[in-house]
Amino acid sequence: MSWLVDTDVLSQGARKNPVIVAWIKAEYTRCYTSSVVIAQLGYWVRTKQGRQRAALQEWLSRLVRTLEGRIYGFSVSIAFTWADLRYQMVKAGKPMPIEDSYIAATALRHNLTIVTGNERDFRRHGIKVFNPFKELPL
């Protein structure tokens, strides 16, 4: 099984959550993420000031270098997967935040399990989810 690691989980590296960091290190060869997640982390960094912002920017730069070749962009094939998913969500009356729907489409297109604490939005659309905040001994 391979993983698409969501924003809330990757940010635990900056927060120095030892359990989540250890899990990511152990699963590193099977971990991927989305450029949308990187954008969300970049926005989070920009909401900070001074030393905290500088430290988080350095952390994010290291993360991107570490994940080189494991960050999926929003490609044409993902766009078509997203269109199908979005249509199903709207038809079912169960919309999802747009960024999360892009992340979900990426996971579906590449047959990845989303690693996130945000089970509600993802699981209700039949997407495979692993919640490390619940399933790992914290």
Protein backbone atom coordinates (compact mmCIF):
# COMPACT_ATOMS: atom_id res chain seq x y z
CA MET A 1 0.00 0.00 0.00
CA SER A 2 1.19 3.49 -0.83
CA TRP A 3 0.13 6.72 0.81
CA LEU A 4 -0.86 10.24 -0.19
CA VAL A 5 -0.01 12.30 2.89
CA ASP A 6 -2.37 15.21 3.58
CA THR A 7 -1.53 18.65 4.92
CA ASP A 8 -2.48 18.03 8.55
CA VAL A 9 -0.17 15.02 8.74
CA LEU A 10 2.83 16.53 6.92
CA SER A 11 2.62 19.63 9.11
CA GLN A 12 3.34 17.40 12.11
CA GLY A 13 6.98 17.38 10.99
CA ALA A 14 7.17 21.12 11.68
CA ARG A 15 5.29 20.61 14.93
CA LYS A 16 7.76 17.86 15.84
CA ASN A 17 5.12 15.25 16.65
CA PRO A 18 7.42 12.26 17.35
CA VAL A 19 4.87 9.54 16.59
CA ILE A 20 3.81 10.97 13.24
CA VAL A 21 7.40 11.83 12.27
CA ALA A 22 8.51 8.26 13.09
CA TRP A 23 5.67 6.82 11.03
CA ILE A 24 6.53 9.01 8.03
CA LYS A 25 10.20 8.00 8.28
CA ALA A 26 9.26 4.31 8.48
CA GLU A 27 6.89 4.60 5.49
CA TYR A 28 8.98 7.09 3.51
CA THR A 29 9.47 4.92 0.41
CA ARG A 30 5.69 4.57 0.06
CA CYS A 31 4.76 8.22 0.82
CA TYR A 32 3.61 10.70 -1.80
CA THR A 33 1.78 14.00 -1.62
CA SER A 34 0.04 16.48 -3.86
CA SER A 35 1.14 19.89 -5.08
CA VAL A 36 -2.13 21.10 -3.51
CA VAL A 37 -0.83 19.96 -0.10
CA ILE A 38 2.42 21.84 -0.73
CA ALA A 39 0.37 24.95 -1.62
CA GLN A 40 -1.62 24.64 1.61
CA LEU A 41 1.59 24.28 3.63
CA GLY A 42 3.07 27.28 1.80
CA TYR A 43 0.04 29.34 2.73
CA TRP A 44 0.31 28.20 6.37
CA VAL A 45 3.98 29.30 6.44
CA ARG A 46 3.04 32.71 5.04
CA THR A 47 0.56 33.29 7.87
CA LYS A 48 3.44 33.32 10.36
CA GLN A 49 5.86 36.14 11.20
CA GLY A 50 9.56 36.63 11.93
CA ARG A 51 11.68 33.69 13.13
CA GLN A 52 8.76 31.30 13.13
CA ARG A 53 8.06 32.03 9.47
CA ALA A 54 11.74 31.69 8.54
CA ALA A 55 12.04 28.36 10.37
CA LEU A 56 8.86 27.03 8.78
CA GLN A 57 9.99 28.17 5.32
CA GLU A 58 13.26 26.29 5.78
CA TRP A 59 11.34 23.22 6.98
CA LEU A 60 9.02 23.39 3.94
CA SER A 61 11.96 23.77 1.55
CA ARG A 62 13.60 20.67 3.08
CA LEU A 63 10.33 18.77 2.85
CA VAL A 64 9.93 19.58 -0.85
CA ARG A 65 13.54 18.51 -1.53
CA THR A 66 13.00 15.29 0.44
CA LEU A 67 9.81 14.48 -1.48
CA GLU A 68 11.31 15.25 -4.89
CA GLY A 69 9.71 12.89 -7.41
CA ARG A 70 6.91 12.06 -4.93
CA ILE A 71 4.77 15.20 -5.33
CA TYR A 72 1.95 14.75 -7.82
CA GLY A 73 0.91 17.81 -9.78
CA PHE A 74 -2.62 18.40 -11.07
CA SER A 75 -2.33 16.60 -14.42
CA VAL A 76 -4.87 16.06 -17.17
CA SER A 77 -5.59 12.51 -15.95
CA ILE A 78 -6.18 13.80 -12.41
CA ALA A 79 -8.40 16.54 -13.85
CA PHE A 80 -10.65 13.94 -15.50
CA THR A 81 -10.71 11.88 -12.29
CA TRP A 82 -11.62 15.06 -10.40
CA ALA A 83 -14.43 15.84 -12.85
CA ASP A 84 -15.96 12.39 -12.29
CA LEU A 85 -15.55 12.67 -8.52
CA ARG A 86 -16.96 16.21 -8.40
CA TYR A 87 -19.96 15.16 -10.48
CA GLN A 88 -20.67 12.26 -8.10
CA MET A 89 -20.30 14.52 -5.05
CA VAL A 90 -22.67 17.19 -6.37
CA LYS A 91 -25.18 14.59 -7.55
CA ALA A 92 -25.15 12.97 -4.08
CA GLY A 93 -25.47 16.36 -2.37
CA LYS A 94 -22.20 15.77 -0.51
CA PRO A 95 -19.76 18.43 -1.70
CA MET A 96 -16.18 18.56 -0.46
CA PRO A 97 -13.89 21.59 -0.10
CA ILE A 98 -12.27 22.17 -3.49
CA GLU A 99 -8.68 21.61 -2.32
CA ASP A 100 -9.67 18.35 -0.64
CA SER A 101 -11.43 17.22 -3.82
CA TYR A 102 -8.20 17.81 -5.80
CA ILE A 103 -6.27 15.78 -3.23
CA ALA A 104 -8.93 13.04 -3.35
CA ALA A 105 -8.76 12.89 -7.15
CA THR A 106 -4.98 12.55 -6.97
CA ALA A 107 -5.29 9.65 -4.52
CA LEU A 108 -7.94 7.95 -6.66
CA ARG A 109 -5.99 8.40 -9.89
CA HIS A 110 -2.82 6.89 -8.39
CA ASN A 111 -4.58 4.31 -6.18
CA LEU A 112 -3.20 5.80 -2.96
CA THR A 113 -4.60 5.77 0.56
CA ILE A 114 -4.97 9.28 1.98
CA VAL A 115 -3.20 9.75 5.31
CA THR A 116 -5.23 12.40 7.12
CA GLY A 117 -7.05 13.33 10.27
CA ASN A 118 -9.85 14.65 8.04
CA GLU A 119 -11.63 11.33 7.63
CA ARG A 120 -15.12 12.79 7.26
CA ASP A 121 -14.61 14.59 3.95
CA PHE A 122 -12.59 11.83 2.32
CA ARG A 123 -14.12 8.60 3.61
CA ARG A 124 -17.69 9.51 2.67
CA HIS A 125 -16.73 9.34 -0.98
CA GLY A 126 -15.33 5.82 -0.76
CA ILE A 127 -11.72 6.95 -0.72
CA LYS A 128 -9.27 4.82 1.24
CA VAL A 129 -8.20 6.66 4.41
CA PHE A 130 -5.67 6.02 7.15
CA ASN A 131 -5.96 8.32 10.19
CA PRO A 132 -2.65 8.20 12.05
CA PHE A 133 -4.07 10.37 14.86
CA LYS A 134 -6.47 7.54 15.69
CA GLU A 135 -4.64 4.48 14.47
CA LEU A 136 -1.12 5.08 15.81
CA PRO A 137 -0.35 4.99 19.53
CA LEU A 138 0.08 8.70 20.31
